Amino acid sequence: MRRMQVKLLIALVCFALTAQERGKTGAGLPLHPARTIEFTTDEGTWLSVDVSPDGKRLVFDMLGDIYDLPIEGGEARRLLPGMAFESQPKYSPDGKRITFLSDRDGAENVWIANSD
């Protein structure tokens, strides 16, 4: 029992030191894009799609980014730029927010963003 308490204490100290160091260097992952790739498409597969409560807009994910699109079609607009992998967007009941999954803080969590 005593060994387990010592191991737990060591683990907590290591976690605290790591968290303190992370606070000094800033939040988020220390990744920087080395290059970008641009493409145009008019179709996709394996997408998560949701319709706004007023029925006027779609929100969907493609290749780790979340896009907004008028229901009648047109050009999609990327809502959340960055290197994080974001997926499974869903509108809130009032349509003002979107919930989604993202690994932007290093682990996959649920996030909320304004729909605009």
PDB file of N, CA and C in Angstrom:
ATOM      1  N   MET A   1       0.824  -1.193   0.000  1.00  0.00           N
ATOM      2  CA  MET A   1       0.000   0.000   0.000  1.00  0.00           C
ATOM      3  C   MET A   1       0.867   1.255   0.000  1.00  0.00           C
ATOM      4  N   ARG A   2       1.948   1.223   0.777  1.00  0.00           N
ATOM      5  CA  ARG A   2       2.846   2.372   0.863  1.00  0.00           C
ATOM      6  C   ARG A   2       3.502   2.653  -0.486  1.00  0.00           C
ATOM      7  N   ARG A   3       3.894   1.596  -1.215  1.00  0.00           N
ATOM      8  CA  ARG A   3       4.513   1.769  -2.542  1.00  0.00           C
ATOM      9  C   ARG A   3       3.545   2.446  -3.507  1.00  0.00           C
ATOM     10  N   MET A   4       2.284   2.064  -3.420  1.00  0.00           N
ATOM     11  CA  MET A   4       1.282   2.645  -4.319  1.00  0.00           C
ATOM     12  C   MET A   4       1.131   4.139  -4.040  1.00  0.00           C
ATOM     13  N   GLN A   5       1.160   4.530  -2.784  1.00  0.00           N
ATOM     14  CA  GLN A   5       1.046   5.938  -2.434  1.00  0.00           C
ATOM     15  C   GLN A   5       2.249   6.724  -2.939  1.00  0.00           C
ATOM     16  N   VAL A   6       3.440   6.147  -2.844  1.00  0.00           N
ATOM     17  CA  VAL A   6       4.650   6.811  -3.329  1.00  0.00           C
ATOM     18  C   VAL A   6       4.582   6.970  -4.846  1.00  0.00           C
ATOM     19  N   LYS A   7       4.150   5.929  -5.553  1.00  0.00           N
ATOM     20  CA  LYS A   7       4.032   5.999  -7.015  1.00  0.00           C
ATOM     21  C   LYS A   7       3.011   7.067  -7.425  1.00  0.00           C
ATOM     22  N   LEU A   8       1.898   7.119  -6.701  1.00  0.00           N
ATOM     23  CA  LEU A   8       0.878   8.122  -7.003  1.00  0.00           C
ATOM     24  C   LEU A   8       1.410   9.529  -6.761  1.00  0.00           C
ATOM     25  N   LEU A   9       2.151   9.727  -5.694  1.00  0.00           N
ATOM     26  CA  LEU A   9       2.740  11.024  -5.398  1.00  0.00           C
ATOM     27  C   LEU A   9       3.735  11.436  -6.482  1.00  0.00           C
ATOM     28  N   ILE A  10       4.562  10.517  -6.936  1.00  0.00           N
ATOM     29  CA  ILE A  10       5.523  10.809  -8.003  1.00  0.00           C
ATOM     30  C   ILE A  10       4.796  11.176  -9.288  1.00  0.00           C
ATOM     31  N   ALA A  11       3.739  10.436  -9.618  1.00  0.00           N
ATOM     32  CA  ALA A  11       2.969  10.723 -10.830  1.00  0.00           C
ATOM     33  C   ALA A  11       2.337  12.111 -10.762  1.00  0.00           C
ATOM     34  N   LEU A  12       1.801  12.478  -9.606  1.00  0.00           N
ATOM     35  CA  LEU A  12       1.185  13.802  -9.460  1.00  0.00           C
ATOM     36  C   LEU A  12       2.214  14.921  -9.583  1.00  0.00           C
ATOM     37  N   VAL A  13       3.391  14.728  -9.002  1.00  0.00           N
ATOM     38  CA  VAL A  13       4.449  15.738  -9.115  1.00  0.00           C
ATOM     39  C   VAL A  13       4.873  15.900 -10.570  1.00  0.00           C
ATOM     40  N   CYS A  14       5.062  14.779 -11.276  1.00  0.00           N
ATOM     41  CA  CYS A  14       5.447  14.843 -12.696  1.00  0.00           C
ATOM     42  C   CYS A  14       4.375  15.556 -13.515  1.00  0.00           C
ATOM     43  N   PHE A  15       3.103  15.256 -13.252  1.00  0.00           N
ATOM     44  CA  PHE A  15       2.010  15.901 -13.970  1.00  0.00           C
ATOM     45  C   PHE A  15       2.005  17.400 -13.710  1.00  0.00           C
ATOM     46  N   ALA A  16       2.195  17.794 -12.454  1.00  0.00           N
ATOM     47  CA  ALA A  16       2.206  19.212 -12.098  1.00  0.00           C
ATOM     48  C   ALA A  16       3.358  19.942 -12.778  1.00  0.00           C
ATOM     49  N   LEU A  17       4.530  19.328 -12.816  1.00  0.00           N
ATOM     50  CA  LEU A  17       5.679  19.961 -13.470  1.00  0.00           C
ATOM     51  C   LEU A  17       5.448  20.094 -14.970  1.00  0.00           C
ATOM     52  N   THR A  18       4.883  19.056 -15.567  1.00  0.00           N
ATOM     53  CA  THR A  18       4.590  19.106 -16.998  1.00  0.00           C
ATOM     54  C   THR A  18       3.568  20.196 -17.296  1.00  0.00           C
ATOM     55  N   ALA A  19       2.518  20.285 -16.485  1.00  0.00           N
ATOM     56  CA  ALA A  19       1.500  21.320 -16.683  1.00  0.00           C
ATOM     57  C   ALA A  19       2.095  22.710 -16.517  1.00  0.00           C
ATOM     58  N   GLN A  20       3.006  22.859 -15.556  1.00  0.00           N
ATOM     59  CA  GLN A  20       3.649  24.152 -15.336  1.00  0.00           C
ATOM     60  C   GLN A  20       4.512  24.541 -16.536  1.00  0.00           C
ATOM     61  N   GLU A  21       5.265  23.598 -17.078  1.00  0.00           N
ATOM     62  CA  GLU A  21       6.088  23.869 -18.256  1.00  0.00           C
ATOM     63  C   GLU A  21       5.215  24.196 -19.458  1.00  0.00           C
ATOM     64  N   ARG A  22       4.103  23.492 -19.602  1.00  0.00           N
ATOM     65  CA  ARG A  22       3.195  23.746 -20.711  1.00  0.00           C
ATOM     66  C   ARG A  22       2.642  25.160 -20.616  1.00  0.00           C
ATOM     67  N   GLY A  23       2.361  25.631 -19.407  1.00  0.00           N
ATOM     68  CA  GLY A  23       1.869  26.990 -19.205  1.00  0.00           C
ATOM     69  C   GLY A  23       2.880  28.036 -19.597  1.00  0.00           C
ATOM     70  N   LYS A  24       4.171  27.756 -19.450  1.00  0.00           N
ATOM     71  CA  LYS A  24       5.225  28.708 -19.809  1.00  0.00           C
ATOM     72  C   LYS A  24       5.357  28.845 -21.318  1.00  0.00           C
ATOM     73  N   THR A  25       5.190  27.754 -22.034  1.00  0.00           N
ATOM     74  CA  THR A  25       5.400  27.781 -23.481  1.00  0.00           C
ATOM     75  C   THR A  25       4.149  28.174 -24.246  1.00  0.00           C
ATOM     76  N   GLY A  26       3.004  28.255 -23.600  1.00  0.00           N
ATOM     77  CA  GLY A  26       1.778  28.631 -24.270  1.00  0.00           C
ATOM     78  C   GLY A  26       0.871  27.428 -24.446  1.00  0.00           C
ATOM     79  N   ALA A  27      -0.377  27.704 -24.719  1.00  0.00           N
ATOM     80  CA  ALA A  27      -1.359  26.641 -24.853  1.00  0.00           C
ATOM     81  C   ALA A  27      -1.326  26.059 -26.261  1.00  0.00           C
ATOM     82  N   GLY A  28      -1.843  24.869 -26.391  1.00  0.00           N
ATOM     83  CA  GLY A  28      -1.973  24.241 -27.691  1.00  0.00           C
ATOM     84  C   GLY A  28      -0.778  23.393 -28.069  1.00  0.00           C
ATOM     85  N   LEU A  29      -0.905  22.771 -29.190  1.00  0.00           N
ATOM     86  CA  LEU A  29       0.149  21.902 -29.690  1.00  0.00           C
ATOM     87  C   LEU A  29       1.242  22.727 -30.365  1.00  0.00           C
ATOM     88  N   PRO A  30       2.492  22.344 -30.219  1.00  0.00           N
ATOM     89  CA  PRO A  30       3.590  23.104 -30.828  1.00  0.00           C
ATOM     90  C   PRO A  30       3.832  22.690 -32.278  1.00  0.00           C
ATOM     91  N   LEU A  31       2.789  22.630 -33.072  1.00  0.00           N
ATOM     92  CA  LEU A  31       2.914  22.222 -34.463  1.00  0.00           C
ATOM     93  C   LEU A  31       2.807  23.434 -35.377  1.00  0.00           C
ATOM     94  N   HIS A  32       3.611  23.431 -36.409  1.00  0.00           N
ATOM     95  CA  HIS A  32       3.562  24.493 -37.403  1.00  0.00           C
ATOM     96  C   HIS A  32       3.528  23.840 -38.776  1.00  0.00           C
ATOM     97  N   PRO A  33       2.607  24.266 -39.643  1.00  0.00           N
ATOM     98  CA  PRO A  33       2.518  23.637 -40.963  1.00  0.00           C
ATOM     99  C   PRO A  33       3.768  23.905 -41.798  1.00  0.00           C
ATOM    100  N   ALA A  34       4.260  22.866 -42.424  1.00  0.00           N
ATOM    101  CA  ALA A  34       5.428  22.994 -43.288  1.00  0.00           C
ATOM    102  C   ALA A  34       5.022  23.347 -44.718  1.00  0.00           C
ATOM    103  N   ARG A  35       3.788  22.992 -45.075  1.00  0.00           N
ATOM    104  CA  ARG A  35       3.296  23.285 -46.422  1.00  0.00           C
ATOM    105  C   ARG A  35       1.776  23.246 -46.413  1.00  0.00           C
ATOM    106  N   THR A  36       1.173  23.765 -47.440  1.00  0.00           N
ATOM    107  CA  THR A  36      -0.280  23.720 -47.575  1.00  0.00           C
ATOM    108  C   THR A  36      -0.628  23.097 -48.916  1.00  0.00           C
ATOM    109  N   ILE A  37      -1.789  22.509 -48.961  1.00  0.00           N
ATOM    110  CA  ILE A  37      -2.300  21.899 -50.190  1.00  0.00           C
ATOM    111  C   ILE A  37      -3.687  22.465 -50.427  1.00  0.00           C
ATOM    112  N   GLU A  38      -3.936  22.951 -51.602  1.00  0.00           N
ATOM    113  CA  GLU A  38      -5.246  23.483 -51.950  1.00  0.00           C
ATOM    114  C   GLU A  38      -5.863  22.626 -53.040  1.00  0.00           C
ATOM    115  N   PHE A  39      -7.186  22.461 -52.971  1.00  0.00           N
ATOM    116  CA  PHE A  39      -7.895  21.698 -53.989  1.00  0.00           C
ATOM    117  C   PHE A  39      -9.335  22.185 -54.049  1.00  0.00           C
ATOM    118  N   THR A  40     -10.012  21.856 -55.132  1.00  0.00           N
ATOM    119  CA  THR A  40     -11.420  22.163 -55.316  1.00  0.00           C
ATOM    120  C   THR A  40     -12.153  20.862 -55.579  1.00  0.00           C
ATOM    121  N   THR A  41     -13.302  20.705 -54.944  1.00  0.00           N
ATOM    122  CA  THR A  41     -14.096  19.499 -55.152  1.00  0.00           C
ATOM    123  C   THR A  41     -15.575  19.855 -55.113  1.00  0.00           C
ATOM    124  N   ASP A  42     -16.387  19.017 -55.695  1.00  0.00           N
ATOM    125  CA  ASP A  42     -17.832  19.219 -55.643  1.00  0.00           C
ATOM    126  C   ASP A  42     -18.538  17.979 -55.080  1.00  0.00           C
ATOM    127  N   GLU A  43     -17.768  17.098 -54.443  1.00  0.00           N
ATOM    128  CA  GLU A  43     -18.357  15.932 -53.804  1.00  0.00           C
ATOM    129  C   GLU A  43     -17.460  15.448 -52.677  1.00  0.00           C
ATOM    130  N   GLY A  44     -18.014  14.641 -51.811  1.00  0.00           N
ATOM    131  CA  GLY A  44     -17.247  14.095 -50.703  1.00  0.00           C
ATOM    132  C   GLY A  44     -17.886  12.805 -50.207  1.00  0.00           C
ATOM    133  N   THR A  45     -17.131  12.034 -49.477  1.00  0.00           N
ATOM    134  CA  THR A  45     -17.649  10.811 -48.874  1.00  0.00           C
ATOM    135  C   THR A  45     -17.295  10.808 -47.397  1.00  0.00           C
ATOM    136  N   TRP A  46     -18.012   9.998 -46.649  1.00  0.00           N
ATOM    137  CA  TRP A  46     -17.764   9.834 -45.225  1.00  0.00           C
ATOM    138  C   TRP A  46     -17.846  11.172 -44.493  1.00  0.00           C
ATOM    139  N   LEU A  47     -18.879  11.947 -44.801  1.00  0.00           N
ATOM    140  CA  LEU A  47     -19.073  13.262 -44.201  1.00  0.00           C
ATOM    141  C   LEU A  47     -20.109  13.189 -43.088  1.00  0.00           C
ATOM    142  N   SER A  48     -19.964  14.020 -42.079  1.00  0.00           N
ATOM    143  CA  SER A  48     -21.007  14.238 -41.077  1.00  0.00           C
ATOM    144  C   SER A  48     -21.689  15.540 -41.449  1.00  0.00           C
ATOM    145  N   VAL A  49     -23.001  15.497 -41.647  1.00  0.00           N
ATOM    146  CA  VAL A  49     -23.760  16.667 -42.112  1.00  0.00           C
ATOM    147  C   VAL A  49     -24.895  16.945 -41.137  1.00  0.00           C
ATOM    148  N   ASP A  50     -25.165  18.233 -40.902  1.00  0.00           N
ATOM    149  CA  ASP A  50     -26.315  18.633 -40.091  1.00  0.00           C
ATOM    150  C   ASP A  50     -26.982  19.837 -40.758  1.00  0.00           C
ATOM    151  N   VAL A  51     -28.291  19.910 -40.650  1.00  0.00           N
ATOM    152  CA  VAL A  51     -29.077  21.009 -41.214  1.00  0.00           C
ATOM    153  C   VAL A  51     -29.433  21.975 -40.088  1.00  0.00           C
ATOM    154  N   SER A  52     -29.315  23.271 -40.368  1.00  0.00           N
ATOM    155  CA  SER A  52     -29.650  24.280 -39.362  1.00  0.00           C
ATOM    156  C   SER A  52     -31.132  24.182 -39.014  1.00  0.00           C
ATOM    157  N   PRO A  53     -31.506  24.611 -37.806  1.00  0.00           N
ATOM    158  CA  PRO A  53     -32.912  24.530 -37.394  1.00  0.00           C
ATOM    159  C   PRO A  53     -33.877  25.292 -38.308  1.00  0.00           C
ATOM    160  N   ASP A  54     -33.412  26.360 -38.935  1.00  0.00           N
ATOM    161  CA  ASP A  54     -34.286  27.098 -39.849  1.00  0.00           C
ATOM    162  C   ASP A  54     -34.301  26.493 -41.255  1.00  0.00           C
ATOM    163  N   GLY A  55     -33.502  25.466 -41.489  1.00  0.00           N
ATOM    164  CA  GLY A  55     -33.493  24.768 -42.767  1.00  0.00           C
ATOM    165  C   GLY A  55     -32.789  25.500 -43.892  1.00  0.00           C
ATOM    166  N   LYS A  56     -32.022  26.534 -43.589  1.00  0.00           N
ATOM    167  CA  LYS A  56     -31.389  27.344 -44.628  1.00  0.00           C
ATOM    168  C   LYS A  56     -29.923  27.007 -44.873  1.00  0.00           C
ATOM    169  N   ARG A  57     -29.264  26.323 -43.931  1.00  0.00           N
ATOM    170  CA  ARG A  57     -27.825  26.086 -44.058  1.00  0.00           C
ATOM    171  C   ARG A  57     -27.474  24.654 -43.679  1.00  0.00           C
ATOM    172  N   LEU A  58     -26.332  24.215 -44.191  1.00  0.00           N
ATOM    173  CA  LEU A  58     -25.747  22.931 -43.825  1.00  0.00           C
ATOM    174  C   LEU A  58     -24.410  23.182 -43.159  1.00  0.00           C
ATOM    175  N   VAL A  59     -24.048  22.322 -42.235  1.00  0.00           N
ATOM    176  CA  VAL A  59     -22.703  22.323 -41.684  1.00  0.00           C
ATOM    177  C   VAL A  59     -22.194  20.894 -41.857  1.00  0.00           C
ATOM    178  N   PHE A  60     -20.935  20.759 -42.300  1.00  0.00           N
ATOM    179  CA  PHE A  60     -20.388  19.422 -42.541  1.00  0.00           C
ATOM    180  C   PHE A  60     -18.885  19.433 -42.313  1.00  0.00           C
ATOM    181  N   ASP A  61     -18.354  18.239 -42.148  1.00  0.00           N
ATOM    182  CA  ASP A  61     -16.904  18.116 -42.018  1.00  0.00           C
ATOM    183  C   ASP A  61     -16.346  17.413 -43.250  1.00  0.00           C
ATOM    184  N   MET A  62     -15.147  17.820 -43.621  1.00  0.00           N
ATOM    185  CA  MET A  62     -14.441  17.179 -44.737  1.00  0.00           C
ATOM    186  C   MET A  62     -12.948  17.289 -44.469  1.00  0.00           C
ATOM    187  N   LEU A  63     -12.297  16.173 -44.436  1.00  0.00           N
ATOM    188  CA  LEU A  63     -10.846  16.105 -44.255  1.00  0.00           C
ATOM    189  C   LEU A  63     -10.368  16.864 -43.012  1.00  0.00           C
ATOM    190  N   GLY A  64     -11.147  16.800 -41.933  1.00  0.00           N
ATOM    191  CA  GLY A  64     -10.732  17.410 -40.676  1.00  0.00           C
ATOM    192  C   GLY A  64     -11.053  18.875 -40.512  1.00  0.00           C
ATOM    193  N   ASP A  65     -11.793  19.461 -41.446  1.00  0.00           N
ATOM    194  CA  ASP A  65     -12.225  20.855 -41.329  1.00  0.00           C
ATOM    195  C   ASP A  65     -13.741  20.912 -41.351  1.00  0.00           C
ATOM    196  N   ILE A  66     -14.303  21.965 -40.771  1.00  0.00           N
ATOM    197  CA  ILE A  66     -15.755  22.144 -40.732  1.00  0.00           C
ATOM    198  C   ILE A  66     -16.144  23.275 -41.670  1.00  0.00           C
ATOM    199  N   TYR A  67     -17.162  23.001 -42.481  1.00  0.00           N
ATOM    200  CA  TYR A  67     -17.614  23.942 -43.499  1.00  0.00           C
ATOM    201  C   TYR A  67     -19.085  24.260 -43.313  1.00  0.00           C
ATOM    202  N   ASP A  68     -19.484  25.434 -43.838  1.00  0.00           N
ATOM    203  CA  ASP A  68     -20.855  25.919 -43.833  1.00  0.00           C
ATOM    204  C   ASP A  68     -21.263  26.108 -45.293  1.00  0.00           C
ATOM    205  N   LEU A  69     -22.505  25.766 -45.607  1.00  0.00           N
ATOM    206  CA  LEU A  69     -22.964  25.827 -46.990  1.00  0.00           C
ATOM    207  C   LEU A  69     -24.456  26.164 -47.019  1.00  0.00           C
ATOM    208  N   PRO A  70     -24.889  27.076 -47.917  1.00  0.00           N
ATOM    209  CA  PRO A  70     -26.331  27.312 -48.061  1.00  0.00           C
ATOM    210  C   PRO A  70     -27.009  26.017 -48.518  1.00  0.00           C
ATOM    211  N   ILE A  71     -28.232  25.780 -48.067  1.00  0.00           N
ATOM    212  CA  ILE A  71     -28.928  24.538 -48.370  1.00  0.00           C
ATOM    213  C   ILE A  71     -29.171  24.361 -49.870  1.00  0.00           C
ATOM    214  N   GLU A  72     -29.289  25.486 -50.599  1.00  0.00           N
ATOM    215  CA  GLU A  72     -29.525  25.387 -52.041  1.00  0.00           C
ATOM    216  C   GLU A  72     -28.241  25.152 -52.835  1.00  0.00           C
ATOM    217  N   GLY A  73     -27.101  25.153 -52.158  1.00  0.00           N
ATOM    218  CA  GLY A  73     -25.820  24.903 -52.828  1.00  0.00           C
ATOM    219  C   GLY A  73     -25.000  26.177 -52.917  1.00  0.00           C
ATOM    220  N   GLY A  74     -23.896  26.083 -53.605  1.00  0.00           N
ATOM    221  CA  GLY A  74     -23.005  27.226 -53.740  1.00  0.00           C
ATOM    222  C   GLY A  74     -21.616  26.877 -53.258  1.00  0.00           C
ATOM    223  N   GLU A  75     -20.892  27.872 -52.814  1.00  0.00           N
ATOM    224  CA  GLU A  75     -19.533  27.650 -52.348  1.00  0.00           C
ATOM    225  C   GLU A  75     -19.513  27.462 -50.838  1.00  0.00           C
ATOM    226  N   ALA A  76     -18.839  26.415 -50.403  1.00  0.00           N
ATOM    227  CA  ALA A  76     -18.714  26.144 -48.967  1.00  0.00           C
ATOM    228  C   ALA A  76     -17.699  27.096 -48.356  1.00  0.00           C
ATOM    229  N   ARG A  77     -17.922  27.436 -47.092  1.00  0.00           N
ATOM    230  CA  ARG A  77     -17.044  28.347 -46.364  1.00  0.00           C
ATOM    231  C   ARG A  77     -16.468  27.593 -45.170  1.00  0.00           C
ATOM    232  N   ARG A  78     -15.130  27.573 -45.066  1.00  0.00           N
ATOM    233  CA  ARG A  78     -14.494  26.891 -43.943  1.00  0.00           C
ATOM    234  C   ARG A  78     -14.666  27.743 -42.694  1.00  0.00           C
ATOM    235  N   LEU A  79     -15.246  27.152 -41.655  1.00  0.00           N
ATOM    236  CA  LEU A  79     -15.549  27.901 -40.440  1.00  0.00           C
ATOM    237  C   LEU A  79     -14.395  27.949 -39.454  1.00  0.00           C
ATOM    238  N   LEU A  80     -13.665  26.876 -39.319  1.00  0.00           N
ATOM    239  CA  LEU A  80     -12.645  26.773 -38.279  1.00  0.00           C
ATOM    240  C   LEU A  80     -11.297  26.417 -38.892  1.00  0.00           C
ATOM    241  N   PRO A  81     -10.519  27.410 -39.296  1.00  0.00           N
ATOM    242  CA  PRO A  81      -9.215  27.109 -39.898  1.00  0.00           C
ATOM    243  C   PRO A  81      -8.213  26.646 -38.848  1.00  0.00           C
ATOM    244  N   GLY A  82      -7.177  25.994 -39.300  1.00  0.00           N
ATOM    245  CA  GLY A  82      -6.113  25.553 -38.403  1.00  0.00           C
ATOM    246  C   GLY A  82      -5.728  24.113 -38.662  1.00  0.00           C
ATOM    247  N   MET A  83      -4.764  23.627 -37.896  1.00  0.00           N
ATOM    248  CA  MET A  83      -4.247  22.278 -38.107  1.00  0.00           C
ATOM    249  C   MET A  83      -5.027  21.209 -37.350  1.00  0.00           C
ATOM    250  N   ALA A  84      -5.900  21.580 -36.440  1.00  0.00           N
ATOM    251  CA  ALA A  84      -6.650  20.598 -35.655  1.00  0.00           C
ATOM    252  C   ALA A  84      -7.554  19.771 -36.558  1.00  0.00           C
ATOM    253  N   PHE A  85      -7.791  18.521 -36.157  1.00  0.00           N
ATOM    254  CA  PHE A  85      -8.733  17.660 -36.872  1.00  0.00           C
ATOM    255  C   PHE A  85     -10.086  17.819 -36.199  1.00  0.00           C
ATOM    256  N   GLU A  86     -11.044  18.387 -36.935  1.00  0.00           N
ATOM    257  CA  GLU A  86     -12.366  18.664 -36.392  1.00  0.00           C
ATOM    258  C   GLU A  86     -13.409  17.889 -37.177  1.00  0.00           C
ATOM    259  N   SER A  87     -14.400  17.348 -36.452  1.00  0.00           N
ATOM    260  CA  SER A  87     -15.383  16.492 -37.100  1.00  0.00           C
ATOM    261  C   SER A  87     -16.718  16.521 -36.361  1.00  0.00           C
ATOM    262  N   GLN A  88     -17.701  15.906 -36.969  1.00  0.00           N
ATOM    263  CA  GLN A  88     -19.036  15.674 -36.434  1.00  0.00           C
ATOM    264  C   GLN A  88     -19.731  16.942 -35.931  1.00  0.00           C
ATOM    265  N   PRO A  89     -19.855  17.967 -36.765  1.00  0.00           N
ATOM    266  CA  PRO A  89     -20.527  19.198 -36.327  1.00  0.00           C
ATOM    267  C   PRO A  89     -22.041  19.004 -36.208  1.00  0.00           C
ATOM    268  N   LYS A  90     -22.622  19.667 -35.217  1.00  0.00           N
ATOM    269  CA  LYS A  90     -24.075  19.650 -35.002  1.00  0.00           C
ATOM    270  C   LYS A  90     -24.518  21.039 -34.568  1.00  0.00           C
ATOM    271  N   TYR A  91     -25.626  21.512 -35.145  1.00  0.00           N
ATOM    272  CA  TYR A  91     -26.192  22.807 -34.750  1.00  0.00           C
ATOM    273  C   TYR A  91     -26.866  22.694 -33.387  1.00  0.00           C
ATOM    274  N   SER A  92     -26.835  23.787 -32.636  1.00  0.00           N
ATOM    275  CA  SER A  92     -27.608  23.865 -31.395  1.00  0.00           C
ATOM    276  C   SER A  92     -29.080  24.046 -31.792  1.00  0.00           C
ATOM    277  N   PRO A  93     -30.004  23.802 -30.874  1.00  0.00           N
ATOM    278  CA  PRO A  93     -31.432  23.946 -31.219  1.00  0.00           C
ATOM    279  C   PRO A  93     -31.816  25.330 -31.731  1.00  0.00           C
ATOM    280  N   ASP A  94     -31.125  26.387 -31.275  1.00  0.00           N
ATOM    281  CA  ASP A  94     -31.439  27.731 -31.771  1.00  0.00           C
ATOM    282  C   ASP A  94     -30.633  28.104 -33.014  1.00  0.00           C
ATOM    283  N   GLY A  95     -29.679  27.263 -33.420  1.00  0.00           N
ATOM    284  CA  GLY A  95     -28.890  27.501 -34.623  1.00  0.00           C
ATOM    285  C   GLY A  95     -27.761  28.493 -34.471  1.00  0.00           C
ATOM    286  N   LYS A  96     -27.549  29.030 -33.277  1.00  0.00           N
ATOM    287  CA  LYS A  96     -26.517  30.044 -33.076  1.00  0.00           C
ATOM    288  C   LYS A  96     -25.138  29.453 -32.820  1.00  0.00           C
ATOM    289  N   ARG A  97     -25.091  28.188 -32.436  1.00  0.00           N
ATOM    290  CA  ARG A  97     -23.806  27.552 -32.130  1.00  0.00           C
ATOM    291  C   ARG A  97     -23.689  26.196 -32.810  1.00  0.00           C
ATOM    292  N   ILE A  98     -22.459  25.747 -32.892  1.00  0.00           N
ATOM    293  CA  ILE A  98     -22.162  24.425 -33.442  1.00  0.00           C
ATOM    294  C   ILE A  98     -21.305  23.681 -32.431  1.00  0.00           C
ATOM    295  N   THR A  99     -21.662  22.448 -32.137  1.00  0.00           N
ATOM    296  CA  THR A  99     -20.792  21.598 -31.329  1.00  0.00           C
ATOM    297  C   THR A  99     -20.042  20.687 -32.283  1.00  0.00           C
ATOM    298  N   PHE A 100     -18.819  20.332 -31.925  1.00  0.00           N
ATOM    299  CA  PHE A 100     -18.011  19.481 -32.788  1.00  0.00           C
ATOM    300  C   PHE A 100     -16.915  18.827 -31.965  1.00  0.00           C
ATOM    301  N   LEU A 101     -16.302  17.813 -32.536  1.00  0.00           N
ATOM    302  CA  LEU A 101     -15.146  17.168 -31.917  1.00  0.00           C
ATOM    303  C   LEU A 101     -13.885  17.777 -32.500  1.00  0.00           C
ATOM    304  N   SER A 102     -12.874  17.979 -31.653  1.00  0.00           N
ATOM    305  CA  SER A 102     -11.605  18.535 -32.117  1.00  0.00           C
ATOM    306  C   SER A 102     -10.468  18.042 -31.237  1.00  0.00           C
ATOM    307  N   ASP A 103      -9.299  17.905 -31.865  1.00  0.00           N
ATOM    308  CA  ASP A 103      -8.091  17.549 -31.112  1.00  0.00           C
ATOM    309  C   ASP A 103      -7.174  18.763 -30.942  1.00  0.00           C
ATOM    310  N   ARG A 104      -7.738  19.951 -30.989  1.00  0.00           N
ATOM    311  CA  ARG A 104      -6.940  21.187 -30.954  1.00  0.00           C
ATOM    312  C   ARG A 104      -6.153  21.382 -29.673  1.00  0.00           C
ATOM    313  N   ASP A 105      -6.518  20.719 -28.589  1.00  0.00           N
ATOM    314  CA  ASP A 105      -5.740  20.845 -27.356  1.00  0.00           C
ATOM    315  C   ASP A 105      -4.920  19.588 -27.066  1.00  0.00           C
ATOM    316  N   GLY A 106      -4.797  18.700 -28.037  1.00  0.00           N
ATOM    317  CA  GLY A 106      -3.967  17.512 -27.869  1.00  0.00           C
ATOM    318  C   GLY A 106      -4.747  16.240 -27.630  1.00  0.00           C
ATOM    319  N   ALA A 107      -6.015  16.333 -27.272  1.00  0.00           N
ATOM    320  CA  ALA A 107      -6.880  15.178 -27.080  1.00  0.00           C
ATOM    321  C   ALA A 107      -8.235  15.504 -27.704  1.00  0.00           C
ATOM    322  N   GLU A 108      -8.940  14.483 -28.139  1.00  0.00           N
ATOM    323  CA  GLU A 108     -10.226  14.736 -28.770  1.00  0.00           C
ATOM    324  C   GLU A 108     -11.267  15.087 -27.709  1.00  0.00           C
ATOM    325  N   ASN A 109     -11.845  16.273 -27.835  1.00  0.00           N
ATOM    326  CA  ASN A 109     -12.847  16.775 -26.900  1.00  0.00           C
ATOM    327  C   ASN A 109     -13.987  17.418 -27.659  1.00  0.00           C
ATOM    328  N   VAL A 110     -15.076  17.673 -26.965  1.00  0.00           N
ATOM    329  CA  VAL A 110     -16.209  18.384 -27.541  1.00  0.00           C
ATOM    330  C   VAL A 110     -15.974  19.872 -27.379  1.00  0.00           C
ATOM    331  N   TRP A 111     -16.184  20.617 -28.467  1.00  0.00           N
ATOM    332  CA  TRP A 111     -16.002  22.065 -28.468  1.00  0.00           C
ATOM    333  C   TRP A 111     -17.286  22.722 -28.954  1.00  0.00           C
ATOM    334  N   ILE A 112     -17.437  24.002 -28.656  1.00  0.00           N
ATOM    335  CA  ILE A 112     -18.593  24.780 -29.106  1.00  0.00           C
ATOM    336  C   ILE A 112     -18.057  26.052 -29.775  1.00  0.00           C
ATOM    337  N   ALA A 113     -18.660  26.388 -30.911  1.00  0.00           N
ATOM    338  CA  ALA A 113     -18.281  27.616 -31.630  1.00  0.00           C
ATOM    339  C   ALA A 113     -19.553  28.307 -32.118  1.00  0.00           C
ATOM    340  N   ASN A 114     -19.464  29.603 -32.328  1.00  0.00           N
ATOM    341  CA  ASN A 114     -20.580  30.317 -32.943  1.00  0.00           C
ATOM    342  C   ASN A 114     -20.731  29.817 -34.371  1.00  0.00           C
ATOM    343  N   SER A 115     -21.964  29.739 -34.846  1.00  0.00           N
ATOM    344  CA  SER A 115     -22.204  29.194 -36.186  1.00  0.00           C
ATOM    345  C   SER A 115     -21.797  30.163 -37.296  1.00  0.00           C
ATOM    346  N   ASP A 116     -21.533  31.403 -36.962  1.00  0.00           N
ATOM    347  CA  ASP A 116     -21.116  32.358 -37.992  1.00  0.00           C
ATOM    348  C   ASP A 116     -19.610  32.459 -38.018  1.00  0.00           C
TER     349      ASP A 116
END
